[in-house]
């Protein structure tokens, strides 16, 4: 008898979940971008597919920024010692 797995993994912290989404989107974009100029025709992707992967990455980064802004005490992300600029 195999060990029982829970039906779903334990819920991740919202920010951790968003970070995982960014990493997954980055990996997907990197794969798509890397196959753009493949010598194998079946491996090539269209510019539309590459743009879709890039857009998904951009949206994931925006969600991460939104999460960071929500976590920041002032409602704005900490930008280091540059006075917010």
PDB file of N, CA and C in Angstrom:
ATOM      1  N   UNK A   1       0.841  -1.184   0.000  1.00  0.00           N
ATOM      2  CA  UNK A   1       0.000   0.000   0.000  1.00  0.00           C
ATOM      3  C   UNK A   1       0.881   1.242   0.000  1.00  0.00           C
ATOM      4  N   UNK A   2       0.616   2.172  -0.854  1.00  0.00           N
ATOM      5  CA  UNK A   2       1.450   3.373  -0.954  1.00  0.00           C
ATOM      6  C   UNK A   2       1.010   4.402   0.077  1.00  0.00           C
ATOM      7  N   UNK A   3       1.953   5.250   0.509  1.00  0.00           N
ATOM      8  CA  UNK A   3       1.586   6.284   1.483  1.00  0.00           C
ATOM      9  C   UNK A   3       0.589   7.263   0.885  1.00  0.00           C
ATOM     10  N   UNK A   4      -0.309   7.701   1.705  1.00  0.00           N
ATOM     11  CA  UNK A   4      -1.336   8.647   1.267  1.00  0.00           C
ATOM     12  C   UNK A   4      -0.742  10.044   1.171  1.00  0.00           C
ATOM     13  N   UNK A   5      -1.031  10.711   0.109  1.00  0.00           N
ATOM     14  CA  UNK A   5      -0.619  12.107  -0.051  1.00  0.00           C
ATOM     15  C   UNK A   5      -1.826  12.982   0.210  1.00  0.00           C
ATOM     16  N   UNK A   6      -1.606  14.141   0.824  1.00  0.00           N
ATOM     17  CA  UNK A   6      -2.747  15.054   0.971  1.00  0.00           C
ATOM     18  C   UNK A   6      -3.238  15.474  -0.410  1.00  0.00           C
ATOM     19  N   UNK A   7      -4.512  15.800  -0.496  1.00  0.00           N
ATOM     20  CA  UNK A   7      -5.085  16.161  -1.789  1.00  0.00           C
ATOM     21  C   UNK A   7      -4.459  17.426  -2.364  1.00  0.00           C
ATOM     22  N   UNK A   8      -3.959  18.292  -1.501  1.00  0.00           N
ATOM     23  CA  UNK A   8      -3.271  19.488  -1.978  1.00  0.00           C
ATOM     24  C   UNK A   8      -2.161  19.822  -0.988  1.00  0.00           C
ATOM     25  N   UNK A   9      -1.100  20.458  -1.474  1.00  0.00           N
ATOM     26  CA  UNK A   9      -0.014  20.824  -0.568  1.00  0.00           C
ATOM     27  C   UNK A   9      -0.495  21.853   0.443  1.00  0.00           C
ATOM     28  N   UNK A  10       0.199  21.965   1.564  1.00  0.00           N
ATOM     29  CA  UNK A  10      -0.217  22.979   2.529  1.00  0.00           C
ATOM     30  C   UNK A  10      -0.155  24.356   1.885  1.00  0.00           C
ATOM     31  N   UNK A  11      -1.082  25.235   2.241  1.00  0.00           N
ATOM     32  CA  UNK A  11      -1.092  26.555   1.597  1.00  0.00           C
ATOM     33  C   UNK A  11       0.194  27.312   1.890  1.00  0.00           C
ATOM     34  N   UNK A  12       0.758  27.882   0.855  1.00  0.00           N
ATOM     35  CA  UNK A  12       1.967  28.682   1.004  1.00  0.00           C
ATOM     36  C   UNK A  12       1.575  30.080   1.452  1.00  0.00           C
ATOM     37  N   UNK A  13       2.527  30.757   2.030  1.00  0.00           N
ATOM     38  CA  UNK A  13       2.289  32.149   2.361  1.00  0.00           C
ATOM     39  C   UNK A  13       1.998  32.886   1.063  1.00  0.00           C
ATOM     40  N   UNK A  14       1.098  33.861   1.083  1.00  0.00           N
ATOM     41  CA  UNK A  14       0.758  34.548  -0.171  1.00  0.00           C
ATOM     42  C   UNK A  14       1.987  35.055  -0.921  1.00  0.00           C
ATOM     43  N   UNK A  15       2.909  35.682  -0.220  1.00  0.00           N
ATOM     44  CA  UNK A  15       4.084  36.222  -0.897  1.00  0.00           C
ATOM     45  C   UNK A  15       4.949  35.098  -1.454  1.00  0.00           C
ATOM     46  N   UNK A  16       5.095  34.027  -0.675  1.00  0.00           N
ATOM     47  CA  UNK A  16       5.883  32.886  -1.136  1.00  0.00           C
ATOM     48  C   UNK A  16       5.257  32.280  -2.392  1.00  0.00           C
ATOM     49  N   UNK A  17       3.942  32.195  -2.420  1.00  0.00           N
ATOM     50  CA  UNK A  17       3.236  31.668  -3.568  1.00  0.00           C
ATOM     51  C   UNK A  17       3.471  32.543  -4.801  1.00  0.00           C
ATOM     52  N   UNK A  18       3.430  33.845  -4.619  1.00  0.00           N
ATOM     53  CA  UNK A  18       3.640  34.775  -5.727  1.00  0.00           C
ATOM     54  C   UNK A  18       5.078  34.664  -6.232  1.00  0.00           C
ATOM     55  N   UNK A  19       6.024  34.503  -5.315  1.00  0.00           N
ATOM     56  CA  UNK A  19       7.422  34.335  -5.720  1.00  0.00           C
ATOM     57  C   UNK A  19       7.567  33.068  -6.559  1.00  0.00           C
ATOM     58  N   UNK A  20       6.912  31.987  -6.139  1.00  0.00           N
ATOM     59  CA  UNK A  20       6.954  30.743  -6.909  1.00  0.00           C
ATOM     60  C   UNK A  20       6.365  30.942  -8.301  1.00  0.00           C
ATOM     61  N   UNK A  21       5.310  31.738  -8.407  1.00  0.00           N
ATOM     62  CA  UNK A  21       4.714  32.023  -9.712  1.00  0.00           C
ATOM     63  C   UNK A  21       5.686  32.788 -10.604  1.00  0.00           C
ATOM     64  N   UNK A  22       6.392  33.755 -10.021  1.00  0.00           N
ATOM     65  CA  UNK A  22       7.380  34.524 -10.793  1.00  0.00           C
ATOM     66  C   UNK A  22       8.469  33.595 -11.308  1.00  0.00           C
ATOM     67  N   UNK A  23       8.971  32.724 -10.440  1.00  0.00           N
ATOM     68  CA  UNK A  23      10.021  31.798 -10.856  1.00  0.00           C
ATOM     69  C   UNK A  23       9.536  30.852 -11.946  1.00  0.00           C
ATOM     70  N   UNK A  24       8.321  30.363 -11.826  1.00  0.00           N
ATOM     71  CA  UNK A  24       7.771  29.468 -12.846  1.00  0.00           C
ATOM     72  C   UNK A  24       7.608  30.197 -14.179  1.00  0.00           C
ATOM     73  N   UNK A  25       7.119  31.426 -14.126  1.00  0.00           N
ATOM     74  CA  UNK A  25       6.953  32.216 -15.356  1.00  0.00           C
ATOM     75  C   UNK A  25       8.303  32.544 -15.980  1.00  0.00           C
ATOM     76  N   UNK A  26       9.290  32.844 -15.148  1.00  0.00           N
ATOM     77  CA  UNK A  26      10.624  33.131 -15.677  1.00  0.00           C
ATOM     78  C   UNK A  26      11.185  31.899 -16.370  1.00  0.00           C
ATOM     79  N   UNK A  27      11.053  30.728 -15.734  1.00  0.00           N
ATOM     80  CA  UNK A  27      11.533  29.492 -16.361  1.00  0.00           C
ATOM     81  C   UNK A  27      10.841  29.247 -17.697  1.00  0.00           C
ATOM     82  N   UNK A  28       9.527  29.456 -17.725  1.00  0.00           N
ATOM     83  CA  UNK A  28       8.780  29.245 -18.967  1.00  0.00           C
ATOM     84  C   UNK A  28       9.250  30.216 -20.049  1.00  0.00           C
ATOM     85  N   UNK A  29       9.436  31.483 -19.669  1.00  0.00           N
ATOM     86  CA  UNK A  29       9.890  32.472 -20.657  1.00  0.00           C
ATOM     87  C   UNK A  29      11.291  32.130 -21.147  1.00  0.00           C
ATOM     88  N   UNK A  30      12.171  31.726 -20.230  1.00  0.00           N
ATOM     89  CA  UNK A  30      13.543  31.379 -20.619  1.00  0.00           C
ATOM     90  C   UNK A  30      13.544  30.206 -21.606  1.00  0.00           C
ATOM     91  N   UNK A  31      12.689  29.212 -21.375  1.00  0.00           N
ATOM     92  CA  UNK A  31      12.596  28.079 -22.308  1.00  0.00           C
ATOM     93  C   UNK A  31      12.096  28.533 -23.677  1.00  0.00           C
ATOM     94  N   UNK A  32      11.039  29.340 -23.662  1.00  0.00           N
ATOM     95  CA  UNK A  32      10.462  29.822 -24.923  1.00  0.00           C
ATOM     96  C   UNK A  32      11.480  30.681 -25.664  1.00  0.00           C
ATOM     97  N   UNK A  33      12.116  31.587 -24.953  1.00  0.00           N
ATOM     98  CA  UNK A  33      13.101  32.484 -25.563  1.00  0.00           C
ATOM     99  C   UNK A  33      14.283  31.684 -26.118  1.00  0.00           C
ATOM    100  N   UNK A  34      14.688  30.655 -25.396  1.00  0.00           N
ATOM    101  CA  UNK A  34      15.816  29.830 -25.838  1.00  0.00           C
ATOM    102  C   UNK A  34      15.523  29.029 -27.088  1.00  0.00           C
ATOM    103  N   UNK A  35      14.273  28.682 -27.316  1.00  0.00           N
ATOM    104  CA  UNK A  35      13.918  27.902 -28.501  1.00  0.00           C
ATOM    105  C   UNK A  35      13.536  28.780 -29.680  1.00  0.00           C
ATOM    106  N   UNK A  36      13.564  30.068 -29.474  1.00  0.00           N
ATOM    107  CA  UNK A  36      13.160  30.996 -30.535  1.00  0.00           C
ATOM    108  C   UNK A  36      13.940  30.771 -31.825  1.00  0.00           C
ATOM    109  N   UNK A  37      15.233  30.564 -31.692  1.00  0.00           N
ATOM    110  CA  UNK A  37      16.086  30.409 -32.874  1.00  0.00           C
ATOM    111  C   UNK A  37      16.587  28.982 -33.043  1.00  0.00           C
ATOM    112  N   UNK A  38      15.806  28.020 -32.583  1.00  0.00           N
ATOM    113  CA  UNK A  38      16.205  26.621 -32.659  1.00  0.00           C
ATOM    114  C   UNK A  38      16.402  26.190 -34.111  1.00  0.00           C
ATOM    115  N   UNK A  39      17.350  25.287 -34.310  1.00  0.00           N
ATOM    116  CA  UNK A  39      17.570  24.770 -35.667  1.00  0.00           C
ATOM    117  C   UNK A  39      16.537  23.697 -36.008  1.00  0.00           C
ATOM    118  N   UNK A  40      15.839  23.188 -34.991  1.00  0.00           N
ATOM    119  CA  UNK A  40      14.803  22.188 -35.243  1.00  0.00           C
ATOM    120  C   UNK A  40      13.459  22.888 -35.415  1.00  0.00           C
ATOM    121  N   UNK A  41      12.862  22.793 -36.578  1.00  0.00           N
ATOM    122  CA  UNK A  41      11.598  23.498 -36.823  1.00  0.00           C
ATOM    123  C   UNK A  41      10.500  23.165 -35.812  1.00  0.00           C
ATOM    124  N   UNK A  42      10.429  21.922 -35.364  1.00  0.00           N
ATOM    125  CA  UNK A  42       9.379  21.541 -34.421  1.00  0.00           C
ATOM    126  C   UNK A  42       9.576  22.183 -33.053  1.00  0.00           C
ATOM    127  N   UNK A  43      10.795  22.604 -32.746  1.00  0.00           N
ATOM    128  CA  UNK A  43      11.088  23.211 -31.445  1.00  0.00           C
ATOM    129  C   UNK A  43      10.889  24.719 -31.429  1.00  0.00           C
ATOM    130  N   UNK A  44      10.789  25.323 -32.590  1.00  0.00           N
ATOM    131  CA  UNK A  44      10.660  26.780 -32.651  1.00  0.00           C
ATOM    132  C   UNK A  44       9.324  27.246 -32.094  1.00  0.00           C
ATOM    133  N   UNK A  45       9.336  28.448 -31.592  1.00  0.00           N
ATOM    134  CA  UNK A  45       8.102  29.061 -31.101  1.00  0.00           C
ATOM    135  C   UNK A  45       7.823  30.297 -31.943  1.00  0.00           C
ATOM    136  N   UNK A  46       6.570  30.677 -31.956  1.00  0.00           N
ATOM    137  CA  UNK A  46       6.194  31.865 -32.709  1.00  0.00           C
ATOM    138  C   UNK A  46       6.443  33.107 -31.852  1.00  0.00           C
ATOM    139  N   UNK A  47       6.566  34.251 -32.503  1.00  0.00           N
ATOM    140  CA  UNK A  47       6.696  35.493 -31.736  1.00  0.00           C
ATOM    141  C   UNK A  47       5.515  35.690 -30.783  1.00  0.00           C
ATOM    142  N   UNK A  48       4.337  35.241 -31.181  1.00  0.00           N
ATOM    143  CA  UNK A  48       3.152  35.371 -30.328  1.00  0.00           C
ATOM    144  C   UNK A  48       3.312  34.538 -29.044  1.00  0.00           C
ATOM    145  N   UNK A  49       3.850  33.323 -29.162  1.00  0.00           N
ATOM    146  CA  UNK A  49       4.070  32.478 -27.985  1.00  0.00           C
ATOM    147  C   UNK A  49       5.110  33.098 -27.050  1.00  0.00           C
ATOM    148  N   UNK A  50       6.162  33.647 -27.645  1.00  0.00           N
ATOM    149  CA  UNK A  50       7.187  34.306 -26.837  1.00  0.00           C
ATOM    150  C   UNK A  50       6.602  35.529 -26.127  1.00  0.00           C
ATOM    151  N   UNK A  51       5.797  36.295 -26.820  1.00  0.00           N
ATOM    152  CA  UNK A  51       5.177  37.482 -26.214  1.00  0.00           C
ATOM    153  C   UNK A  51       4.237  37.079 -25.089  1.00  0.00           C
ATOM    154  N   UNK A  52       3.476  36.001 -25.288  1.00  0.00           N
ATOM    155  CA  UNK A  52       2.555  35.541 -24.245  1.00  0.00           C
ATOM    156  C   UNK A  52       3.333  35.134 -22.988  1.00  0.00           C
ATOM    157  N   UNK A  53       4.446  34.423 -23.154  1.00  0.00           N
ATOM    158  CA  UNK A  53       5.263  34.018 -22.006  1.00  0.00           C
ATOM    159  C   UNK A  53       5.845  35.248 -21.308  1.00  0.00           C
ATOM    160  N   UNK A  54       6.277  36.234 -22.089  1.00  0.00           N
ATOM    161  CA  UNK A  54       6.824  37.465 -21.507  1.00  0.00           C
ATOM    162  C   UNK A  54       5.736  38.219 -20.743  1.00  0.00           C
ATOM    163  N   UNK A  55       4.545  38.308 -21.318  1.00  0.00           N
ATOM    164  CA  UNK A  55       3.436  38.999 -20.651  1.00  0.00           C
ATOM    165  C   UNK A  55       3.069  38.315 -19.333  1.00  0.00           C
ATOM    166  N   UNK A  56       3.057  36.986 -19.332  1.00  0.00           N
ATOM    167  CA  UNK A  56       2.765  36.253 -18.094  1.00  0.00           C
ATOM    168  C   UNK A  56       3.821  36.530 -17.037  1.00  0.00           C
ATOM    169  N   UNK A  57       5.086  36.596 -17.452  1.00  0.00           N
ATOM    170  CA  UNK A  57       6.168  36.928 -16.519  1.00  0.00           C
ATOM    171  C   UNK A  57       5.978  38.341 -15.976  1.00  0.00           C
ATOM    172  N   UNK A  58       5.666  39.272 -16.840  1.00  0.00           N
ATOM    173  CA  UNK A  58       5.467  40.663 -16.418  1.00  0.00           C
ATOM    174  C   UNK A  58       4.319  40.781 -15.419  1.00  0.00           C
ATOM    175  N   UNK A  59       3.217  40.075 -15.674  1.00  0.00           N
ATOM    176  CA  UNK A  59       2.072  40.112 -14.757  1.00  0.00           C
ATOM    177  C   UNK A  59       2.419  39.476 -13.413  1.00  0.00           C
ATOM    178  N   UNK A  60       3.195  38.405 -13.439  1.00  0.00           N
ATOM    179  CA  UNK A  60       3.606  37.759 -12.186  1.00  0.00           C
ATOM    180  C   UNK A  60       4.483  38.708 -11.368  1.00  0.00           C
ATOM    181  N   UNK A  61       5.363  39.440 -12.039  1.00  0.00           N
ATOM    182  CA  UNK A  61       6.217  40.404 -11.343  1.00  0.00           C
ATOM    183  C   UNK A  61       5.360  41.530 -10.759  1.00  0.00           C
ATOM    184  N   UNK A  62       4.354  41.975 -11.494  1.00  0.00           N
ATOM    185  CA  UNK A  62       3.456  43.017 -10.977  1.00  0.00           C
ATOM    186  C   UNK A  62       2.725  42.530  -9.725  1.00  0.00           C
ATOM    187  N   UNK A  63       2.272  41.255  -9.742  1.00  0.00           N
ATOM    188  CA  UNK A  63       1.609  40.703  -8.552  1.00  0.00           C
ATOM    189  C   UNK A  63       2.576  40.664  -7.373  1.00  0.00           C
ATOM    190  N   UNK A  64       3.844  40.317  -7.641  1.00  0.00           N
ATOM    191  CA  UNK A  64       4.836  40.301  -6.571  1.00  0.00           C
ATOM    192  C   UNK A  64       5.052  41.707  -6.019  1.00  0.00           C
ATOM    193  N   UNK A  65       5.135  42.688  -6.896  1.00  0.00           N
ATOM    194  CA  UNK A  65       5.291  44.075  -6.430  1.00  0.00           C
ATOM    195  C   UNK A  65       4.090  44.503  -5.588  1.00  0.00           C
ATOM    196  N   UNK A  66       2.890  44.130  -6.023  1.00  0.00           N
ATOM    197  CA  UNK A  66       1.691  44.462  -5.249  1.00  0.00           C
ATOM    198  C   UNK A  66       1.745  43.825  -3.869  1.00  0.00           C
ATOM    199  N   UNK A  67       2.194  42.572  -3.798  1.00  0.00           N
ATOM    200  CA  UNK A  67       2.309  41.883  -2.518  1.00  0.00           C
ATOM    201  C   UNK A  67       3.342  42.572  -1.643  1.00  0.00           C
ATOM    202  N   UNK A  68       4.445  43.000  -2.236  1.00  0.00           N
ATOM    203  CA  UNK A  68       5.497  43.683  -1.485  1.00  0.00           C
ATOM    204  C   UNK A  68       4.984  45.007  -0.947  1.00  0.00           C
ATOM    205  N   UNK A  69       4.203  45.723  -1.742  1.00  0.00           N
ATOM    206  CA  UNK A  69       3.640  46.998  -1.290  1.00  0.00           C
ATOM    207  C   UNK A  69       2.685  46.789  -0.129  1.00  0.00           C
ATOM    208  N   UNK A  70       1.907  45.704  -0.168  1.00  0.00           N
ATOM    209  CA  UNK A  70       0.975  45.413   0.916  1.00  0.00           C
ATOM    210  C   UNK A  70       1.716  45.078   2.203  1.00  0.00           C
ATOM    211  N   UNK A  71       2.899  44.432   2.092  1.00  0.00           N
ATOM    212  CA  UNK A  71       3.683  44.034   3.261  1.00  0.00           C
ATOM    213  C   UNK A  71       4.470  45.181   3.857  1.00  0.00           C
ATOM    214  N   UNK A  72       4.719  46.219   3.072  1.00  0.00           N
ATOM    215  CA  UNK A  72       5.524  47.345   3.535  1.00  0.00           C
ATOM    216  C   UNK A  72       4.712  48.183   4.520  1.00  0.00           C
ATOM    217  N   UNK A  73       5.315  48.593   5.662  1.00  0.00           N
ATOM    218  CA  UNK A  73       4.567  49.372   6.658  1.00  0.00           C
ATOM    219  C   UNK A  73       3.980  50.666   6.110  1.00  0.00           C
ATOM    220  N   UNK A  74       4.653  51.308   5.205  1.00  0.00           N
ATOM    221  CA  UNK A  74       4.159  52.572   4.671  1.00  0.00           C
ATOM    222  C   UNK A  74       3.282  52.377   3.442  1.00  0.00           C
ATOM    223  N   UNK A  75       3.114  51.104   3.030  1.00  0.00           N
ATOM    224  CA  UNK A  75       2.323  50.842   1.831  1.00  0.00           C
ATOM    225  C   UNK A  75       3.130  50.982   0.562  1.00  0.00           C
ATOM    226  N   UNK A  76       4.418  51.262   0.723  1.00  0.00           N
ATOM    227  CA  UNK A  76       5.316  51.377  -0.423  1.00  0.00           C
ATOM    228  C   UNK A  76       6.492  50.453  -0.206  1.00  0.00           C
ATOM    229  N   UNK A  77       7.014  49.864  -1.266  1.00  0.00           N
ATOM    230  CA  UNK A  77       8.149  48.965  -1.098  1.00  0.00           C
ATOM    231  C   UNK A  77       9.377  49.720  -0.621  1.00  0.00           C
ATOM    232  N   UNK A  78      10.201  49.035   0.157  1.00  0.00           N
ATOM    233  CA  UNK A  78      11.449  49.612   0.607  1.00  0.00           C
ATOM    234  C   UNK A  78      12.417  49.643  -0.561  1.00  0.00           C
ATOM    235  N   UNK A  79      12.895  50.789  -0.891  1.00  0.00           N
ATOM    236  CA  UNK A  79      13.789  50.907  -2.044  1.00  0.00           C
ATOM    237  C   UNK A  79      15.225  51.163  -1.617  1.00  0.00           C
ATOM    238  N   UNK A  80      15.544  50.832  -0.389  1.00  0.00           N
ATOM    239  CA  UNK A  80      16.927  50.983   0.054  1.00  0.00           C
ATOM    240  C   UNK A  80      17.222  52.403   0.480  1.00  0.00           C
ATOM    241  N   UNK A  81      18.480  52.759   0.464  1.00  0.00           N
ATOM    242  CA  UNK A  81      18.907  54.047   0.963  1.00  0.00           C
ATOM    243  C   UNK A  81      18.855  55.167  -0.052  1.00  0.00           C
ATOM    244  N   UNK A  82      18.093  55.020  -1.106  1.00  0.00           N
ATOM    245  CA  UNK A  82      18.070  56.056  -2.126  1.00  0.00           C
ATOM    246  C   UNK A  82      16.911  57.029  -1.953  1.00  0.00           C
ATOM    247  N   UNK A  83      16.260  56.999  -0.778  1.00  0.00           N
ATOM    248  CA  UNK A  83      15.187  57.961  -0.527  1.00  0.00           C
ATOM    249  C   UNK A  83      13.937  57.685  -1.332  1.00  0.00           C
ATOM    250  N   UNK A  84      13.762  56.409  -1.779  1.00  0.00           N
ATOM    251  CA  UNK A  84      12.564  56.083  -2.554  1.00  0.00           C
ATOM    252  C   UNK A  84      12.681  56.398  -4.020  1.00  0.00           C
ATOM    253  N   UNK A  85      13.834  56.779  -4.463  1.00  0.00           N
ATOM    254  CA  UNK A  85      14.026  57.075  -5.879  1.00  0.00           C
ATOM    255  C   UNK A  85      15.135  56.233  -6.423  1.00  0.00           C
TER     256      UNK A  85
END
